[in-house]
């Protein structure tokens, strides 16, 4: 195995813009939920006339689903809060005439009431159910794949020690919040996914990219803990963590 210092320097140098995880090929693996997010979204996009993707990142997944859809909606829109991702998303969605608005994750949506018949979100940091309900047209659908409670707790605790139980999202809490906003819950599912890191460079890049896993992460601050994870990978071949995913589909009464 390559030396610790070389690997962490590599992981610290890789750009983190967008949600393209292809750099991890051969270095980390993540099980995918059985429902197949991109295929589900492509199916809904093929039946929509006006679509909005919330917190789209660099637009990678939204663009893939649009490519796979039987036909694209007449209006394609998205929101994103991080300026480096805005440029990427606007470039990727330009072929569909995509509009990408800069919007805080917990902010109001810059859309009129009852505008979209499909609103989607994959791994949102915040769900504004009141705003989703407002911008959905009567009979419109919201499809969301969320990050559930306990995701990467194993990795986070390896660096920062035991964490207190937090009020984290679950499928059940999402469904309860959706109903409180006046939406009809159509489908709710959840799945625990195995994640394996094959070298410490992949761990470093992941923690820099998915910043909420260990808030305030830097290599310098967590060097000794990273060295221990590196030794574990040398011994076992892989550092195993777990992610929790849930799917929720809701509809605005029409």
C-alpha atoms as a PDB file:
ATOM      1  CA  UNK A   1       0.000   0.000   0.000  1.00  0.00           C
ATOM      2  CA  UNK A   2       1.159   3.532  -0.755  1.00  0.00           C
ATOM      3  CA  UNK A   3       2.511   5.657   2.076  1.00  0.00           C
ATOM      4  CA  UNK A   4       0.138   7.489   4.412  1.00  0.00           C
ATOM      5  CA  UNK A   5       1.493  10.978   3.652  1.00  0.00           C
ATOM      6  CA  UNK A   6       1.287  10.445  -0.097  1.00  0.00           C
ATOM      7  CA  UNK A   7      -2.316   9.227   0.099  1.00  0.00           C
ATOM      8  CA  UNK A   8      -3.627  12.015   2.325  1.00  0.00           C
ATOM      9  CA  UNK A   9      -1.893  14.637   0.168  1.00  0.00           C
ATOM     10  CA  UNK A  10      -3.624  13.192  -2.890  1.00  0.00           C
ATOM     11  CA  UNK A  11      -7.026  13.125  -1.178  1.00  0.00           C
ATOM     12  CA  UNK A  12      -6.546  16.720  -0.033  1.00  0.00           C
ATOM     13  CA  UNK A  13      -5.707  17.967  -3.547  1.00  0.00           C
ATOM     14  CA  UNK A  14      -8.661  16.589  -5.537  1.00  0.00           C
ATOM     15  CA  UNK A  15     -11.276  19.255  -6.456  1.00  0.00           C
ATOM     16  CA  UNK A  16     -14.601  18.846  -4.638  1.00  0.00           C
ATOM     17  CA  UNK A  17     -16.999  20.756  -6.910  1.00  0.00           C
ATOM     18  CA  UNK A  18     -20.122  18.958  -8.079  1.00  0.00           C
ATOM     19  CA  UNK A  19     -21.483  15.517  -7.219  1.00  0.00           C
ATOM     20  CA  UNK A  20     -19.379  13.461  -9.603  1.00  0.00           C
ATOM     21  CA  UNK A  21     -17.961  10.581  -7.567  1.00  0.00           C
ATOM     22  CA  UNK A  22     -16.078   8.887 -10.435  1.00  0.00           C
ATOM     23  CA  UNK A  23     -12.721   9.671  -8.779  1.00  0.00           C
ATOM     24  CA  UNK A  24     -13.518   7.001  -6.170  1.00  0.00           C
ATOM     25  CA  UNK A  25     -13.565   4.196  -8.760  1.00  0.00           C
ATOM     26  CA  UNK A  26     -11.270   1.410  -7.554  1.00  0.00           C
ATOM     27  CA  UNK A  27     -10.748   3.176  -4.215  1.00  0.00           C
ATOM     28  CA  UNK A  28     -14.163   3.131  -2.539  1.00  0.00           C
ATOM     29  CA  UNK A  29     -17.488   1.385  -3.065  1.00  0.00           C
ATOM     30  CA  UNK A  30     -21.028   2.226  -1.982  1.00  0.00           C
ATOM     31  CA  UNK A  31     -24.006  -0.069  -2.240  1.00  0.00           C
ATOM     32  CA  UNK A  32     -26.961   1.575  -3.976  1.00  0.00           C
ATOM     33  CA  UNK A  33     -30.562   1.400  -2.755  1.00  0.00           C
ATOM     34  CA  UNK A  34     -32.607  -1.238  -4.584  1.00  0.00           C
ATOM     35  CA  UNK A  35     -35.174   1.178  -6.031  1.00  0.00           C
ATOM     36  CA  UNK A  36     -32.728   2.791  -8.511  1.00  0.00           C
ATOM     37  CA  UNK A  37     -33.047   6.550  -8.086  1.00  0.00           C
ATOM     38  CA  UNK A  38     -32.051   7.644 -11.581  1.00  0.00           C
ATOM     39  CA  UNK A  39     -34.458   5.232 -13.255  1.00  0.00           C
ATOM     40  CA  UNK A  40     -37.324   6.325 -11.011  1.00  0.00           C
ATOM     41  CA  UNK A  41     -36.630   9.986 -11.688  1.00  0.00           C
ATOM     42  CA  UNK A  42     -36.312   9.371 -15.447  1.00  0.00           C
ATOM     43  CA  UNK A  43     -39.724   7.689 -15.413  1.00  0.00           C
ATOM     44  CA  UNK A  44     -41.346  10.645 -13.622  1.00  0.00           C
ATOM     45  CA  UNK A  45     -39.583  13.166 -15.873  1.00  0.00           C
ATOM     46  CA  UNK A  46     -40.938  11.384 -18.938  1.00  0.00           C
ATOM     47  CA  UNK A  47     -44.475  12.117 -17.719  1.00  0.00           C
ATOM     48  CA  UNK A  48     -43.881  15.685 -16.470  1.00  0.00           C
ATOM     49  CA  UNK A  49     -44.379  18.985 -18.260  1.00  0.00           C
ATOM     50  CA  UNK A  50     -42.597  21.269 -15.751  1.00  0.00           C
ATOM     51  CA  UNK A  51     -39.895  19.919 -13.430  1.00  0.00           C
ATOM     52  CA  UNK A  52     -37.827  21.375 -10.593  1.00  0.00           C
ATOM     53  CA  UNK A  53     -34.814  19.645  -8.995  1.00  0.00           C
ATOM     54  CA  UNK A  54     -33.913  20.993  -5.546  1.00  0.00           C
ATOM     55  CA  UNK A  55     -30.306  21.245  -4.339  1.00  0.00           C
ATOM     56  CA  UNK A  56     -29.138  19.808  -7.642  1.00  0.00           C
ATOM     57  CA  UNK A  57     -25.389  20.016  -6.940  1.00  0.00           C
ATOM     58  CA  UNK A  58     -23.613  20.185 -10.273  1.00  0.00           C
ATOM     59  CA  UNK A  59     -26.704  18.813 -12.017  1.00  0.00           C
ATOM     60  CA  UNK A  60     -25.008  15.454 -12.702  1.00  0.00           C
ATOM     61  CA  UNK A  61     -27.815  13.147 -11.590  1.00  0.00           C
ATOM     62  CA  UNK A  62     -30.614  15.384 -12.875  1.00  0.00           C
ATOM     63  CA  UNK A  63     -28.957  15.539 -16.304  1.00  0.00           C
ATOM     64  CA  UNK A  64     -28.505  11.757 -16.405  1.00  0.00           C
ATOM     65  CA  UNK A  65     -32.179  11.223 -15.576  1.00  0.00           C
ATOM     66  CA  UNK A  66     -33.212  13.741 -18.231  1.00  0.00           C
ATOM     67  CA  UNK A  67     -31.079  11.881 -20.764  1.00  0.00           C
ATOM     68  CA  UNK A  68     -32.752   8.595 -19.859  1.00  0.00           C
ATOM     69  CA  UNK A  69     -36.306   9.973 -19.815  1.00  0.00           C
ATOM     70  CA  UNK A  70     -38.659   9.019 -22.659  1.00  0.00           C
ATOM     71  CA  UNK A  71     -39.092  12.739 -23.234  1.00  0.00           C
ATOM     72  CA  UNK A  72     -37.931  15.813 -21.360  1.00  0.00           C
ATOM     73  CA  UNK A  73     -40.354  18.215 -19.655  1.00  0.00           C
ATOM     74  CA  UNK A  74     -41.080  21.433 -21.490  1.00  0.00           C
ATOM     75  CA  UNK A  75     -39.649  23.402 -18.568  1.00  0.00           C
ATOM     76  CA  UNK A  76     -36.555  22.223 -16.690  1.00  0.00           C
ATOM     77  CA  UNK A  77     -35.501  24.107 -13.558  1.00  0.00           C
ATOM     78  CA  UNK A  78     -33.247  23.555 -10.549  1.00  0.00           C
ATOM     79  CA  UNK A  79     -31.921  25.215  -7.407  1.00  0.00           C
ATOM     80  CA  UNK A  80     -28.451  25.123  -5.851  1.00  0.00           C
ATOM     81  CA  UNK A  81     -26.868  27.004  -2.952  1.00  0.00           C
ATOM     82  CA  UNK A  82     -23.109  26.569  -3.535  1.00  0.00           C
ATOM     83  CA  UNK A  83     -21.711  28.997  -6.144  1.00  0.00           C
ATOM     84  CA  UNK A  84     -19.080  26.601  -7.616  1.00  0.00           C
ATOM     85  CA  UNK A  85     -21.871  24.117  -8.353  1.00  0.00           C
ATOM     86  CA  UNK A  86     -24.106  26.733  -9.973  1.00  0.00           C
ATOM     87  CA  UNK A  87     -21.820  27.098 -12.976  1.00  0.00           C
ATOM     88  CA  UNK A  88     -21.528  23.325 -13.391  1.00  0.00           C
ATOM     89  CA  UNK A  89     -25.297  22.838 -13.166  1.00  0.00           C
ATOM     90  CA  UNK A  90     -26.031  25.627 -15.649  1.00  0.00           C
ATOM     91  CA  UNK A  91     -23.571  24.126 -18.121  1.00  0.00           C
ATOM     92  CA  UNK A  92     -24.945  20.580 -17.746  1.00  0.00           C
ATOM     93  CA  UNK A  93     -28.611  21.560 -17.998  1.00  0.00           C
ATOM     94  CA  UNK A  94     -28.209  24.061 -20.835  1.00  0.00           C
ATOM     95  CA  UNK A  95     -29.155  21.462 -23.442  1.00  0.00           C
ATOM     96  CA  UNK A  96     -32.662  21.279 -21.938  1.00  0.00           C
ATOM     97  CA  UNK A  97     -32.960  25.051 -21.506  1.00  0.00           C
ATOM     98  CA  UNK A  98     -32.451  24.505 -17.786  1.00  0.00           C
ATOM     99  CA  UNK A  99     -32.917  27.404 -15.373  1.00  0.00           C
ATOM    100  CA  UNK A 100     -30.730  27.115 -12.241  1.00  0.00           C
ATOM    101  CA  UNK A 101     -31.473  29.561  -9.431  1.00  0.00           C
ATOM    102  CA  UNK A 102     -29.131  30.282  -6.529  1.00  0.00           C
ATOM    103  CA  UNK A 103     -31.225  29.478  -3.451  1.00  0.00           C
ATOM    104  CA  UNK A 104     -30.234  28.760   0.157  1.00  0.00           C
ATOM    105  CA  UNK A 105     -31.020  25.164   1.101  1.00  0.00           C
ATOM    106  CA  UNK A 106     -33.467  26.346   3.755  1.00  0.00           C
ATOM    107  CA  UNK A 107     -34.712  29.370   1.823  1.00  0.00           C
ATOM    108  CA  UNK A 108     -37.997  30.048  -0.004  1.00  0.00           C
ATOM    109  CA  UNK A 109     -38.254  28.914  -3.602  1.00  0.00           C
ATOM    110  CA  UNK A 110     -38.299  31.711  -6.208  1.00  0.00           C
ATOM    111  CA  UNK A 111     -41.324  30.234  -7.978  1.00  0.00           C
ATOM    112  CA  UNK A 112     -45.003  31.076  -8.195  1.00  0.00           C
ATOM    113  CA  UNK A 113     -47.615  28.883  -6.537  1.00  0.00           C
ATOM    114  CA  UNK A 114     -48.638  25.676  -8.343  1.00  0.00           C
ATOM    115  CA  UNK A 115     -45.855  25.969 -10.934  1.00  0.00           C
ATOM    116  CA  UNK A 116     -44.436  22.426 -11.254  1.00  0.00           C
ATOM    117  CA  UNK A 117     -46.022  19.027 -11.722  1.00  0.00           C
ATOM    118  CA  UNK A 118     -42.759  17.340 -10.633  1.00  0.00           C
ATOM    119  CA  UNK A 119     -40.378  18.426  -7.868  1.00  0.00           C
ATOM    120  CA  UNK A 120     -37.423  16.163  -7.107  1.00  0.00           C
ATOM    121  CA  UNK A 121     -34.592  16.159  -4.592  1.00  0.00           C
ATOM    122  CA  UNK A 122     -31.732  13.745  -4.026  1.00  0.00           C
ATOM    123  CA  UNK A 123     -29.917  13.939  -0.700  1.00  0.00           C
ATOM    124  CA  UNK A 124     -31.255  17.359   0.339  1.00  0.00           C
ATOM    125  CA  UNK A 125     -29.731  18.915   3.452  1.00  0.00           C
ATOM    126  CA  UNK A 126     -33.086  20.507   4.336  1.00  0.00           C
ATOM    127  CA  UNK A 127     -36.632  19.751   3.206  1.00  0.00           C
ATOM    128  CA  UNK A 128     -38.935  22.789   3.064  1.00  0.00           C
ATOM    129  CA  UNK A 129     -42.173  20.823   2.840  1.00  0.00           C
ATOM    130  CA  UNK A 130     -44.249  23.992   3.012  1.00  0.00           C
ATOM    131  CA  UNK A 131     -42.464  25.382  -0.045  1.00  0.00           C
ATOM    132  CA  UNK A 132     -42.633  22.079  -1.918  1.00  0.00           C
ATOM    133  CA  UNK A 133     -46.387  21.923  -1.310  1.00  0.00           C
ATOM    134  CA  UNK A 134     -46.753  25.540  -2.444  1.00  0.00           C
ATOM    135  CA  UNK A 135     -44.959  25.193  -5.797  1.00  0.00           C
ATOM    136  CA  UNK A 136     -46.475  21.821  -6.723  1.00  0.00           C
ATOM    137  CA  UNK A 137     -49.409  21.995  -9.095  1.00  0.00           C
ATOM    138  CA  UNK A 138     -52.585  20.168  -8.018  1.00  0.00           C
ATOM    139  CA  UNK A 139     -51.963  16.485  -8.654  1.00  0.00           C
ATOM    140  CA  UNK A 140     -48.207  17.124  -8.864  1.00  0.00           C
ATOM    141  CA  UNK A 141     -45.562  14.775  -7.448  1.00  0.00           C
ATOM    142  CA  UNK A 142     -42.541  15.233  -5.221  1.00  0.00           C
ATOM    143  CA  UNK A 143     -39.936  12.445  -5.361  1.00  0.00           C
ATOM    144  CA  UNK A 144     -37.090  12.477  -2.829  1.00  0.00           C
ATOM    145  CA  UNK A 145     -34.196  10.215  -1.905  1.00  0.00           C
ATOM    146  CA  UNK A 146     -33.018  11.318   1.508  1.00  0.00           C
ATOM    147  CA  UNK A 147     -29.995  10.653   3.700  1.00  0.00           C
ATOM    148  CA  UNK A 148     -31.244   8.902   6.808  1.00  0.00           C
ATOM    149  CA  UNK A 149     -30.290   8.835  10.459  1.00  0.00           C
ATOM    150  CA  UNK A 150     -26.943   7.274  11.346  1.00  0.00           C
ATOM    151  CA  UNK A 151     -25.353   7.736   7.921  1.00  0.00           C
ATOM    152  CA  UNK A 152     -21.554   7.403   8.207  1.00  0.00           C
ATOM    153  CA  UNK A 153     -21.719   7.446  11.974  1.00  0.00           C
ATOM    154  CA  UNK A 154     -19.000   4.767  12.006  1.00  0.00           C
ATOM    155  CA  UNK A 155     -16.643   7.002  10.012  1.00  0.00           C
ATOM    156  CA  UNK A 156     -17.510  10.151  11.969  1.00  0.00           C
ATOM    157  CA  UNK A 157     -16.921   8.437  15.318  1.00  0.00           C
ATOM    158  CA  UNK A 158     -13.598   7.020  14.133  1.00  0.00           C
ATOM    159  CA  UNK A 159     -12.404  10.608  13.819  1.00  0.00           C
ATOM    160  CA  UNK A 160     -14.264  12.577  16.470  1.00  0.00           C
ATOM    161  CA  UNK A 161     -15.372   9.984  19.029  1.00  0.00           C
ATOM    162  CA  UNK A 162     -18.876   8.983  20.145  1.00  0.00           C
ATOM    163  CA  UNK A 163     -21.606  11.323  18.965  1.00  0.00           C
ATOM    164  CA  UNK A 164     -24.758  12.059  20.932  1.00  0.00           C
ATOM    165  CA  UNK A 165     -27.987  10.897  19.377  1.00  0.00           C
ATOM    166  CA  UNK A 166     -29.227  13.629  17.061  1.00  0.00           C
ATOM    167  CA  UNK A 167     -32.626  14.532  15.691  1.00  0.00           C
ATOM    168  CA  UNK A 168     -31.700  13.235  12.238  1.00  0.00           C
ATOM    169  CA  UNK A 169     -33.987  12.559   9.270  1.00  0.00           C
ATOM    170  CA  UNK A 170     -35.798   9.258   8.864  1.00  0.00           C
ATOM    171  CA  UNK A 171     -38.364   8.050   6.344  1.00  0.00           C
ATOM    172  CA  UNK A 172     -41.037   8.191   9.021  1.00  0.00           C
ATOM    173  CA  UNK A 173     -40.228  11.781  10.011  1.00  0.00           C
ATOM    174  CA  UNK A 174     -40.213  12.855   6.370  1.00  0.00           C
ATOM    175  CA  UNK A 175     -43.633  11.277   5.828  1.00  0.00           C
ATOM    176  CA  UNK A 176     -45.010  12.960   8.940  1.00  0.00           C
ATOM    177  CA  UNK A 177     -43.703  16.372   7.807  1.00  0.00           C
ATOM    178  CA  UNK A 178     -45.118  15.884   4.308  1.00  0.00           C
ATOM    179  CA  UNK A 179     -48.569  15.059   5.681  1.00  0.00           C
ATOM    180  CA  UNK A 180     -48.409  18.109   7.946  1.00  0.00           C
ATOM    181  CA  UNK A 181     -47.856  20.225   4.813  1.00  0.00           C
ATOM    182  CA  UNK A 182     -51.040  18.795   3.281  1.00  0.00           C
ATOM    183  CA  UNK A 183     -49.402  16.290   0.921  1.00  0.00           C
ATOM    184  CA  UNK A 184     -50.499  12.705   0.307  1.00  0.00           C
ATOM    185  CA  UNK A 185     -47.801  10.082   0.939  1.00  0.00           C
ATOM    186  CA  UNK A 186     -47.681   7.599  -1.963  1.00  0.00           C
ATOM    187  CA  UNK A 187     -44.549   5.569  -1.166  1.00  0.00           C
ATOM    188  CA  UNK A 188     -41.990   5.305   1.663  1.00  0.00           C
ATOM    189  CA  UNK A 189     -38.971   2.963   1.724  1.00  0.00           C
ATOM    190  CA  UNK A 190     -35.564   2.776   3.418  1.00  0.00           C
ATOM    191  CA  UNK A 191     -32.334   0.826   2.964  1.00  0.00           C
ATOM    192  CA  UNK A 192     -28.992   0.508   4.776  1.00  0.00           C
ATOM    193  CA  UNK A 193     -26.056   0.585   2.344  1.00  0.00           C
ATOM    194  CA  UNK A 194     -22.513  -0.731   2.896  1.00  0.00           C
ATOM    195  CA  UNK A 195     -19.680   1.700   2.099  1.00  0.00           C
ATOM    196  CA  UNK A 196     -16.076   0.534   1.855  1.00  0.00           C
ATOM    197  CA  UNK A 197     -12.981   2.765   1.696  1.00  0.00           C
ATOM    198  CA  UNK A 198      -9.902   1.090   0.205  1.00  0.00           C
ATOM    199  CA  UNK A 199      -7.333   3.750   1.114  1.00  0.00           C
ATOM    200  CA  UNK A 200      -7.016   6.787   3.353  1.00  0.00           C
ATOM    201  CA  UNK A 201      -6.844   9.158   0.369  1.00  0.00           C
ATOM    202  CA  UNK A 202     -10.413   8.187  -0.485  1.00  0.00           C
ATOM    203  CA  UNK A 203     -11.451   8.858   3.124  1.00  0.00           C
ATOM    204  CA  UNK A 204      -9.875  12.325   3.031  1.00  0.00           C
ATOM    205  CA  UNK A 205     -11.481  13.261  -0.268  1.00  0.00           C
ATOM    206  CA  UNK A 206     -14.878  11.987   0.902  1.00  0.00           C
ATOM    207  CA  UNK A 207     -14.721  14.037   4.117  1.00  0.00           C
ATOM    208  CA  UNK A 208     -13.772  17.157   2.144  1.00  0.00           C
ATOM    209  CA  UNK A 209     -16.598  16.577  -0.337  1.00  0.00           C
ATOM    210  CA  UNK A 210     -19.390  15.489   2.024  1.00  0.00           C
ATOM    211  CA  UNK A 211     -18.622  18.182   4.587  1.00  0.00           C
ATOM    212  CA  UNK A 212     -21.430  17.434   7.036  1.00  0.00           C
ATOM    213  CA  UNK A 213     -19.967  14.005   7.888  1.00  0.00           C
ATOM    214  CA  UNK A 214     -17.320  15.571  10.157  1.00  0.00           C
ATOM    215  CA  UNK A 215     -18.009  19.327  10.349  1.00  0.00           C
ATOM    216  CA  UNK A 216     -14.831  21.386  10.319  1.00  0.00           C
ATOM    217  CA  UNK A 217     -12.737  18.512   8.953  1.00  0.00           C
ATOM    218  CA  UNK A 218      -9.158  19.240   7.942  1.00  0.00           C
ATOM    219  CA  UNK A 219      -6.256  16.841   7.504  1.00  0.00           C
ATOM    220  CA  UNK A 220      -4.183  18.780  10.038  1.00  0.00           C
ATOM    221  CA  UNK A 221      -6.857  18.670  12.728  1.00  0.00           C
ATOM    222  CA  UNK A 222      -7.518  14.934  12.367  1.00  0.00           C
ATOM    223  CA  UNK A 223      -4.099  13.638  11.299  1.00  0.00           C
ATOM    224  CA  UNK A 224      -3.663  11.197  14.199  1.00  0.00           C
ATOM    225  CA  UNK A 225      -7.178   9.737  13.748  1.00  0.00           C
ATOM    226  CA  UNK A 226      -6.591   9.421   9.995  1.00  0.00           C
ATOM    227  CA  UNK A 227      -3.370   7.549  10.720  1.00  0.00           C
ATOM    228  CA  UNK A 228      -5.332   5.066  12.845  1.00  0.00           C
ATOM    229  CA  UNK A 229      -7.895   4.552  10.069  1.00  0.00           C
ATOM    230  CA  UNK A 230      -4.991   4.062   7.635  1.00  0.00           C
ATOM    231  CA  UNK A 231      -3.549   1.338   9.880  1.00  0.00           C
ATOM    232  CA  UNK A 232      -6.973  -0.333  10.025  1.00  0.00           C
ATOM    233  CA  UNK A 233      -7.184  -0.349   6.214  1.00  0.00           C
ATOM    234  CA  UNK A 234      -3.673  -1.827   6.015  1.00  0.00           C
ATOM    235  CA  UNK A 235      -4.738  -4.551   8.442  1.00  0.00           C
ATOM    236  CA  UNK A 236      -8.246  -5.334   7.120  1.00  0.00           C
ATOM    237  CA  UNK A 237      -8.071  -4.178   3.502  1.00  0.00           C
ATOM    238  CA  UNK A 238     -11.126  -1.893   3.835  1.00  0.00           C
ATOM    239  CA  UNK A 239     -12.646   0.567   6.274  1.00  0.00           C
ATOM    240  CA  UNK A 240     -16.387  -0.143   6.358  1.00  0.00           C
ATOM    241  CA  UNK A 241     -18.981   2.513   7.115  1.00  0.00           C
ATOM    242  CA  UNK A 242     -22.733   2.575   6.447  1.00  0.00           C
ATOM    243  CA  UNK A 243     -25.152   4.977   4.827  1.00  0.00           C
ATOM    244  CA  UNK A 244     -28.905   5.071   5.336  1.00  0.00           C
ATOM    245  CA  UNK A 245     -31.130   6.037   2.405  1.00  0.00           C
ATOM    246  CA  UNK A 246     -34.875   6.528   2.261  1.00  0.00           C
ATOM    247  CA  UNK A 247     -37.270   7.128  -0.600  1.00  0.00           C
ATOM    248  CA  UNK A 248     -40.448   9.142  -0.264  1.00  0.00           C
ATOM    249  CA  UNK A 249     -42.957  10.009  -2.969  1.00  0.00           C
ATOM    250  CA  UNK A 250     -45.814  12.388  -2.227  1.00  0.00           C
ATOM    251  CA  UNK A 251     -48.566  14.058  -4.211  1.00  0.00           C
ATOM    252  CA  UNK A 252     -50.409  17.329  -3.856  1.00  0.00           C
ATOM    253  CA  UNK A 253     -54.171  16.681  -3.838  1.00  0.00           C
ATOM    254  CA  UNK A 254     -55.725  17.750  -7.108  1.00  0.00           C
END
